[in-house]
Amino acid sequence: MSPLLDSYTIDGRLWRRGRNALALIAAGGWVACAIALRLDPARFHASYLVAYAFFVTLTLGALFFVMLQHLTGAAWSVTMRRMAENVMAAIPLGAVLFLPIAFGLPSLYEWARPEAVAADPVLQGKAAFLNPQFFLLRTALYFALWTLWAWKLYRNSVRGRGLQACQSSQRWSAPGMIMLTVTVALAGFDWLMSLDPHWYSTMFGVYVYSGAALAFIAALILILLAFRQAGVLRTSVNREHYHDLGKWLFALTVFWAYIAFSQYMLIWYANLPEETAWFRDRLVGSWRGVSLLLVVGHFLVPFFVLISRAAKRRLGLLGAAAAWVLFMQYTDLYWIAMPIFSKRGVTPHWIDLAALAAVGGSFALAFWSRLGAHPLAPVNDIRFEKALEFTNV
């Protein structure tokens, strides 16, 4: 079958079924979250933060991917780039969904409680940076910048024509990559690292950034495979493209592991109490098992599954590996945040699932809503036909 026979519009009935299912999941999640907020506000805010960080960093990984494709002038990814753009376009929703965190700052962050700051010289020394007003101002700035770049790149893709649109996207992507690297690192410091304001790691921003990129590639594989199963983009995104996505998944798994090991090794080697305490809390009780699970599940399992060429071309295996990586990325964020609130061990709760349904359902609905507005692939891109002919060597 010729790739040109692919349809780049989604069937109306399929779109409506997907919209209704996602709306039901999101609505059910928000109802459950409302109940959770009333029954256990502290646990709700903790669970919500983990779910929020998981999905927001995933959209930021999409922005990273889109800008990198423009910067390198990549042709292989053009046929799948619109899916990444649709994920990236959901970034503004993150600003709205940040409201439960903004209203729950004292439940989440020690530095947001005046009585805690008054009794702690360390928090007093960091108060110029770690205070609610400046925290919210920085968050607003992050989302303003992310939204601006996502809007411009998305607009170029759906409305632009010819070489001029490509050049405009390249010009925006060069400073945009610097902007994204700095702001994602700062957001990681603010939202996650400052949960324990006595601890710090200069590598933590890169750790969060690498996890965001890895999670997005895994999500993109699953999205494309789901559409393939529904008969959409079956030939325009073929085994050759999935092979390259498998390479991305493998490479970012290794990069994440490198950053994670480097952060641990440097803190272990320095052996400073204010640094080692963070890892000590994650090596006691059942948290020790989660730490070992991350070593095995977040690195060793996907590494050995994806290391061969054949594995990257077996779509069922690639999809299973992508789903596993997504699960491990959520586990990683859970491992980062939850020991602050449950130092004795892992305490799974139905509120965790409620937060995932509410935040994930909302982001998925925002992604799905764009599928009917524009073609499912950027057919007006000057490299589109070259992408159809892509072959691995």
Protein backbone atom coordinates (compact mmCIF):
# COMPACT_ATOMS: atom_id res chain seq x y z
CA MET A 1 0.00 0.00 0.00
CA SER A 2 1.31 3.46 -0.83
CA PRO A 3 1.86 5.80 2.13
CA LEU A 4 -0.17 8.41 0.23
CA LEU A 5 -3.26 6.26 0.77
CA ASP A 6 -3.18 7.03 4.50
CA SER A 7 -5.98 9.20 5.79
CA TYR A 8 -4.85 12.19 7.78
CA THR A 9 -8.23 12.87 9.36
CA ILE A 10 -9.73 11.01 12.27
CA ASP A 11 -13.08 9.29 11.83
CA GLY A 12 -15.84 11.30 13.49
CA ARG A 13 -17.29 8.35 15.36
CA LEU A 14 -13.86 7.36 16.69
CA TRP A 15 -13.20 10.93 17.77
CA ARG A 16 -16.51 11.20 19.62
CA ARG A 17 -16.01 7.85 21.36
CA GLY A 18 -12.56 8.89 22.48
CA ARG A 19 -13.76 12.29 23.66
CA ASN A 20 -16.62 10.79 25.66
CA ALA A 21 -14.40 8.17 27.29
CA LEU A 22 -11.74 10.70 28.27
CA ALA A 23 -14.34 13.17 29.54
CA LEU A 24 -15.82 10.42 31.72
CA ILE A 25 -12.40 9.51 33.13
CA ALA A 26 -11.54 13.16 33.85
CA ALA A 27 -14.94 13.89 35.43
CA GLY A 28 -14.77 10.80 37.61
CA GLY A 29 -11.24 11.71 38.66
CA TRP A 30 -12.20 15.24 39.65
CA VAL A 31 -15.20 14.05 41.65
CA ALA A 32 -12.95 11.60 43.48
CA CYS A 33 -10.38 14.36 44.04
CA ALA A 34 -13.06 16.62 45.53
CA ILE A 35 -13.97 13.84 47.96
CA ALA A 36 -10.30 13.24 48.75
CA LEU A 37 -9.69 16.93 49.43
CA ARG A 38 -12.47 16.88 51.99
CA LEU A 39 -11.45 13.59 53.65
CA ASP A 40 -7.65 13.91 53.64
CA PRO A 41 -6.33 17.26 52.33
CA ALA A 42 -2.67 16.48 53.06
CA ARG A 43 -2.72 13.19 51.15
CA PHE A 44 -4.69 14.76 48.30
CA HIS A 45 -2.12 17.50 47.75
CA ALA A 46 0.78 15.03 47.85
CA SER A 47 -0.85 12.62 45.39
CA TYR A 48 -1.96 15.47 43.16
CA LEU A 49 1.55 16.91 42.99
CA VAL A 50 2.99 13.59 41.78
CA ALA A 51 0.30 13.16 39.11
CA TYR A 52 0.65 16.78 38.06
CA ALA A 53 4.44 16.59 37.76
CA PHE A 54 4.14 13.39 35.71
CA PHE A 55 1.81 14.81 33.07
CA VAL A 56 3.24 18.33 32.90
CA THR A 57 6.78 17.06 32.41
CA LEU A 58 5.45 14.76 29.69
CA THR A 59 4.09 17.77 27.76
CA LEU A 60 7.41 19.55 28.25
CA GLY A 61 9.16 16.51 26.83
CA ALA A 62 6.97 16.95 23.75
CA LEU A 63 8.09 20.58 23.41
CA PHE A 64 11.71 19.42 23.68
CA PHE A 65 11.16 16.79 20.98
CA VAL A 66 9.48 19.21 18.56
CA MET A 67 12.17 21.86 18.95
CA LEU A 68 14.95 19.32 18.53
CA GLN A 69 13.42 18.06 15.27
CA HIS A 70 13.30 21.62 13.93
CA LEU A 71 16.84 22.42 15.07
CA THR A 72 18.31 19.37 13.37
CA GLY A 73 16.14 19.65 10.25
CA ALA A 74 15.05 16.06 10.84
CA ALA A 75 12.92 14.52 8.10
CA TRP A 76 12.35 11.05 9.59
CA SER A 77 10.00 12.36 12.31
CA VAL A 78 7.79 14.67 10.24
CA THR A 79 4.94 12.19 9.79
CA MET A 80 4.62 11.73 13.57
CA ARG A 81 5.46 15.28 14.60
CA ARG A 82 1.84 16.47 14.70
CA MET A 83 1.13 14.03 17.53
CA ALA A 84 4.00 15.57 19.50
CA GLU A 85 2.68 19.04 18.68
CA ASN A 86 -0.78 18.12 19.95
CA VAL A 87 0.73 16.94 23.25
CA MET A 88 2.85 20.10 23.43
CA ALA A 89 -0.22 22.26 22.79
CA ALA A 90 -1.73 21.04 26.07
CA ILE A 91 0.90 22.95 28.08
CA PRO A 92 -1.39 25.94 28.85
CA LEU A 93 -3.78 23.57 30.64
CA GLY A 94 -0.98 22.93 33.12
CA ALA A 95 -1.25 26.52 34.34
CA VAL A 96 -4.93 25.98 35.19
CA LEU A 97 -4.32 22.61 36.82
CA PHE A 98 -1.62 24.18 39.00
CA LEU A 99 -4.32 25.89 41.09
CA PRO A 100 -4.77 22.98 43.60
CA ILE A 101 -1.03 23.13 44.25
CA ALA A 102 -1.07 26.91 44.61
CA PHE A 103 -3.85 26.69 47.21
CA GLY A 104 -2.14 23.79 48.96
CA LEU A 105 1.35 25.25 49.38
CA PRO A 106 1.36 25.01 53.21
CA SER A 107 0.36 21.34 53.00
CA LEU A 108 3.18 20.56 50.61
CA TYR A 109 6.10 22.82 51.40
CA GLU A 110 7.70 23.48 54.76
CA TRP A 111 9.02 26.84 53.56
CA ALA A 112 5.40 28.00 52.94
CA ARG A 113 4.53 27.72 56.65
CA PRO A 114 5.55 30.89 58.55
CA GLU A 115 5.91 29.07 61.86
CA ALA A 116 8.35 26.58 60.30
CA VAL A 117 10.43 29.37 58.76
CA ALA A 118 10.54 31.27 62.05
CA ALA A 119 11.96 28.20 63.85
CA ASP A 120 14.53 27.20 61.20
CA PRO A 121 17.64 29.28 60.37
CA VAL A 122 18.15 27.35 57.11
CA LEU A 123 14.68 28.26 55.85
CA GLN A 124 15.23 31.86 56.91
CA GLY A 125 18.38 31.97 54.80
CA LYS A 126 16.48 30.67 51.77
CA ALA A 127 13.37 32.79 52.33
CA ALA A 128 14.29 35.34 49.66
CA PHE A 129 13.87 32.61 47.04
CA LEU A 130 11.58 30.10 48.73
CA ASN A 131 8.50 32.12 49.56
CA PRO A 132 4.94 31.71 48.22
CA GLN A 133 4.82 34.97 46.27
CA PHE A 134 8.06 34.48 44.38
CA PHE A 135 7.29 30.77 43.89
CA LEU A 136 3.96 31.55 42.19
CA LEU A 137 5.52 34.35 40.14
CA ARG A 138 8.20 32.00 38.83
CA THR A 139 5.62 29.36 37.98
CA ALA A 140 3.56 31.93 36.06
CA LEU A 141 6.70 32.93 34.14
CA TYR A 142 7.51 29.30 33.29
CA PHE A 143 4.06 28.70 31.84
CA ALA A 144 4.07 32.00 29.97
CA LEU A 145 7.32 31.08 28.23
CA TRP A 146 6.34 27.45 27.55
CA THR A 147 2.97 28.52 26.19
CA LEU A 148 4.49 31.18 23.92
CA TRP A 149 6.91 28.72 22.32
CA ALA A 150 4.36 25.94 22.04
CA TRP A 151 1.83 28.30 20.44
CA LYS A 152 4.34 29.66 17.91
CA LEU A 153 5.64 26.25 16.85
CA TYR A 154 2.14 24.79 16.64
CA ARG A 155 0.90 27.76 14.60
CA ASN A 156 3.84 27.44 12.19
CA SER A 157 3.04 23.77 11.72
CA VAL A 158 -0.69 24.05 11.07
CA ARG A 159 -0.75 27.35 9.15
CA GLY A 160 2.74 27.73 7.72
CA ARG A 161 3.71 26.79 4.20
CA GLY A 162 7.02 25.98 2.57
CA LEU A 163 10.54 26.94 3.54
CA GLN A 164 9.55 30.07 5.43
CA ALA A 165 7.59 28.09 8.06
CA CYS A 166 10.52 25.70 8.57
CA GLN A 167 12.99 28.55 8.98
CA SER A 168 10.71 30.35 11.44
CA SER A 169 10.40 27.20 13.56
CA GLN A 170 14.18 26.75 13.51
CA ARG A 171 14.73 30.35 14.63
CA TRP A 172 12.32 29.89 17.53
CA SER A 173 13.74 26.51 18.50
CA ALA A 174 17.32 27.68 18.99
CA PRO A 175 16.67 30.07 21.91
CA GLY A 176 13.70 27.93 22.89
CA MET A 177 15.92 24.98 23.70
CA ILE A 178 17.98 27.12 26.07
CA MET A 179 14.82 28.56 27.60
CA LEU A 180 13.31 25.11 28.11
CA THR A 181 16.44 23.65 29.67
CA VAL A 182 16.71 26.46 32.20
CA THR A 183 13.00 26.68 33.08
CA VAL A 184 12.45 22.92 33.39
CA ALA A 185 15.43 22.73 35.74
CA LEU A 186 14.08 25.62 37.81
CA ALA A 187 10.57 24.13 37.86
CA GLY A 188 12.08 20.84 39.06
CA PHE A 189 13.87 22.70 41.84
CA ASP A 190 10.69 24.57 42.81
CA TRP A 191 8.03 21.88 42.58
CA LEU A 192 9.96 18.79 43.66
CA MET A 193 13.37 19.49 45.18
CA SER A 194 12.03 22.17 47.54
CA LEU A 195 9.73 19.59 49.14
CA ASP A 196 12.81 19.02 51.30
CA PRO A 197 14.24 22.56 51.51
CA HIS A 198 17.28 21.39 53.48
CA TRP A 199 18.47 19.22 50.58
CA TYR A 200 19.91 20.29 47.27
CA SER A 201 21.47 18.76 44.19
CA THR A 202 22.88 20.72 41.27
CA MET A 203 22.03 17.78 38.98
CA PHE A 204 18.39 17.54 39.98
CA GLY A 205 17.18 19.78 37.15
CA VAL A 206 18.86 17.62 34.51
CA TYR A 207 17.43 14.54 36.23
CA VAL A 208 13.88 15.90 35.89
CA TYR A 209 14.52 17.05 32.32
CA SER A 210 15.84 13.66 31.20
CA GLY A 211 12.83 11.94 32.76
CA ALA A 212 10.48 14.32 30.93
CA ALA A 213 12.05 13.56 27.55
CA LEU A 214 12.05 9.82 28.24
CA ALA A 215 8.41 9.80 29.35
CA PHE A 216 7.31 11.65 26.24
CA ILE A 217 9.03 9.24 23.84
CA ALA A 218 7.35 6.34 25.62
CA ALA A 219 3.98 8.12 25.44
CA LEU A 220 4.46 8.94 21.74
CA ILE A 221 5.14 5.28 20.94
CA LEU A 222 1.96 4.23 22.73
CA ILE A 223 -0.13 6.95 21.05
CA LEU A 224 1.08 5.99 17.59
CA LEU A 225 0.58 2.27 18.24
CA ALA A 226 -2.96 2.94 19.46
CA PHE A 227 -3.74 4.87 16.28
CA ARG A 228 -2.14 2.14 14.22
CA GLN A 229 -4.44 -0.39 15.88
CA ALA A 230 -7.38 1.83 14.88
CA GLY A 231 -6.18 1.94 11.27
CA VAL A 232 -4.79 5.49 11.44
CA LEU A 233 -1.30 6.43 10.17
CA ARG A 234 -0.52 2.75 9.53
CA THR A 235 1.73 3.39 6.54
CA SER A 236 2.95 6.95 7.11
CA VAL A 237 4.40 5.86 10.45
CA ASN A 238 5.84 2.46 9.67
CA ARG A 239 8.29 0.01 11.19
CA GLU A 240 11.25 2.19 10.16
CA HIS A 241 9.90 5.11 12.18
CA TYR A 242 9.17 2.90 15.17
CA HIS A 243 12.72 1.60 14.95
CA ASP A 244 14.04 5.14 15.40
CA LEU A 245 11.63 5.78 18.26
CA GLY A 246 13.01 2.62 19.86
CA LYS A 247 16.50 4.09 19.52
CA TRP A 248 15.29 7.24 21.25
CA LEU A 249 13.71 5.22 24.06
CA PHE A 250 16.90 3.23 24.53
CA ALA A 251 19.21 6.26 24.41
CA LEU A 252 17.17 8.32 26.85
CA THR A 253 16.92 5.35 29.23
CA VAL A 254 20.72 5.23 29.30
CA PHE A 255 20.98 9.01 29.69
CA TRP A 256 18.49 9.03 32.57
CA ALA A 257 20.45 6.24 34.28
CA TYR A 258 23.72 8.13 33.77
CA ILE A 259 22.33 11.28 35.39
CA ALA A 260 20.70 9.31 38.23
CA PHE A 261 23.91 7.40 38.96
CA SER A 262 26.06 10.55 38.74
CA GLN A 263 23.83 12.38 41.21
CA TYR A 264 23.92 9.46 43.65
CA MET A 265 27.65 8.86 43.26
CA LEU A 266 28.63 12.50 43.83
CA ILE A 267 26.47 12.75 46.96
CA TRP A 268 27.73 9.40 48.25
CA TYR A 269 31.36 10.42 47.62
CA ALA A 270 31.03 13.83 49.30
CA ASN A 271 29.21 12.22 52.26
CA LEU A 272 27.76 15.50 53.55
CA PRO A 273 24.92 15.02 56.06
CA GLU A 274 22.73 17.69 54.47
CA GLU A 275 22.95 15.84 51.14
CA THR A 276 22.97 12.17 52.14
CA ALA A 277 19.85 12.49 54.32
CA TRP A 278 17.67 12.64 51.20
CA PHE A 279 18.87 9.25 49.98
CA ARG A 280 18.86 7.83 53.51
CA ASP A 281 15.11 8.48 53.73
CA ARG A 282 14.66 6.47 50.52
CA LEU A 283 16.64 3.50 51.78
CA VAL A 284 14.56 2.74 54.87
CA GLY A 285 11.44 0.62 55.21
CA SER A 286 9.63 -0.26 52.01
CA TRP A 287 11.18 2.75 50.24
CA ARG A 288 14.32 0.66 49.93
CA GLY A 289 12.42 -1.75 47.70
CA VAL A 290 11.24 1.12 45.51
CA SER A 291 14.82 2.35 45.20
CA LEU A 292 15.94 -1.09 44.04
CA LEU A 293 12.97 -1.29 41.69
CA LEU A 294 14.09 1.94 40.01
CA VAL A 295 17.59 0.57 39.46
CA VAL A 296 16.26 -2.62 37.92
CA GLY A 297 13.05 -1.43 36.32
CA HIS A 298 13.94 2.06 35.15
CA PHE A 299 17.30 1.07 33.69
CA LEU A 300 18.24 -2.60 33.52
CA VAL A 301 14.93 -3.97 32.19
CA PRO A 302 14.43 -1.48 29.31
CA PHE A 303 18.18 -1.50 28.59
CA PHE A 304 18.36 -5.22 27.96
CA VAL A 305 14.95 -5.40 26.29
CA LEU A 306 15.75 -2.64 23.78
CA ILE A 307 19.45 -3.20 23.17
CA SER A 308 18.97 -5.34 20.05
CA ARG A 309 17.89 -4.08 16.64
CA ALA A 310 15.20 -6.74 16.37
CA ALA A 311 13.50 -5.61 19.61
CA LYS A 312 13.09 -2.08 18.30
CA ARG A 313 11.31 -3.40 15.20
CA ARG A 314 8.89 -5.70 17.06
CA LEU A 315 6.00 -3.35 17.67
CA GLY A 316 4.38 -5.42 20.41
CA LEU A 317 7.61 -5.59 22.39
CA LEU A 318 8.35 -1.92 21.77
CA GLY A 319 4.89 -0.96 23.04
CA ALA A 320 5.30 -3.09 26.16
CA ALA A 321 8.69 -1.48 26.84
CA ALA A 322 7.19 2.00 26.38
CA ALA A 323 4.33 1.25 28.78
CA TRP A 324 6.80 -0.11 31.34
CA VAL A 325 9.01 2.99 31.04
CA LEU A 326 6.00 5.26 31.61
CA PHE A 327 5.07 3.29 34.72
CA MET A 328 8.63 3.54 36.01
CA GLN A 329 8.74 7.27 35.34
CA TYR A 330 5.64 7.75 37.48
CA THR A 331 7.23 5.52 40.13
CA ASP A 332 10.34 7.70 40.02
CA LEU A 333 8.35 10.90 40.65
CA TYR A 334 6.42 9.10 43.41
CA TRP A 335 9.76 8.07 44.95
CA ILE A 336 10.99 11.67 44.78
CA ALA A 337 7.97 13.24 46.46
CA MET A 338 6.20 10.76 48.71
CA PRO A 339 8.97 9.96 51.26
CA ILE A 340 8.59 13.56 52.42
CA PHE A 341 5.06 12.76 53.59
CA SER A 342 5.45 9.06 54.47
CA LYS A 343 8.93 8.46 55.82
CA ARG A 344 8.24 4.97 57.21
CA GLY A 345 7.40 3.39 53.87
CA VAL A 346 5.21 3.24 50.81
CA THR A 347 1.52 3.82 51.50
CA PRO A 348 -0.48 3.35 48.26
CA HIS A 349 -3.85 5.07 48.33
CA TRP A 350 -6.91 5.36 46.12
CA ILE A 351 -6.28 9.11 46.02
CA ASP A 352 -3.19 8.42 43.90
CA LEU A 353 -5.43 6.89 41.23
CA ALA A 354 -7.99 9.68 41.56
CA ALA A 355 -5.31 12.31 40.93
CA LEU A 356 -3.98 10.38 37.93
CA ALA A 357 -7.47 10.12 36.45
CA ALA A 358 -8.25 13.80 37.00
CA VAL A 359 -4.99 15.27 35.73
CA GLY A 360 -4.29 12.62 33.08
CA GLY A 361 -7.86 12.62 31.82
CA SER A 362 -7.81 16.41 31.49
CA PHE A 363 -4.53 16.46 29.57
CA ALA A 364 -5.65 13.56 27.36
CA LEU A 365 -8.91 15.38 26.61
CA ALA A 366 -6.99 18.52 25.64
CA PHE A 367 -4.79 16.42 23.34
CA TRP A 368 -7.77 14.59 21.84
CA SER A 369 -9.74 17.78 21.19
CA ARG A 370 -7.11 18.95 18.70
CA LEU A 371 -7.16 15.80 16.61
CA GLY A 372 -10.29 16.85 14.74
CA ALA A 373 -9.14 20.43 14.13
CA HIS A 374 -6.16 19.77 11.87
CA PRO A 375 -4.66 16.91 9.81
CA LEU A 376 -3.05 14.17 11.89
CA ALA A 377 0.29 14.81 10.19
CA PRO A 378 1.91 18.05 8.91
CA VAL A 379 1.26 17.30 5.24
CA ASN A 380 2.27 20.86 4.29
CA ASP A 381 5.83 20.41 5.61
CA ILE A 382 8.45 20.51 2.84
CA ARG A 383 10.08 17.35 4.28
CA PHE A 384 6.87 15.34 4.45
CA GLU A 385 7.46 13.19 1.37
CA LYS A 386 11.03 12.53 2.46
CA ALA A 387 9.68 11.29 5.80
CA LEU A 388 7.39 8.86 3.99
CA GLU A 389 10.44 7.33 2.28
CA PHE A 390 12.54 7.07 5.45
CA THR A 391 14.52 3.83 5.86
CA ASN A 392 16.92 2.83 8.63
CA VAL A 393 20.45 1.93 7.62
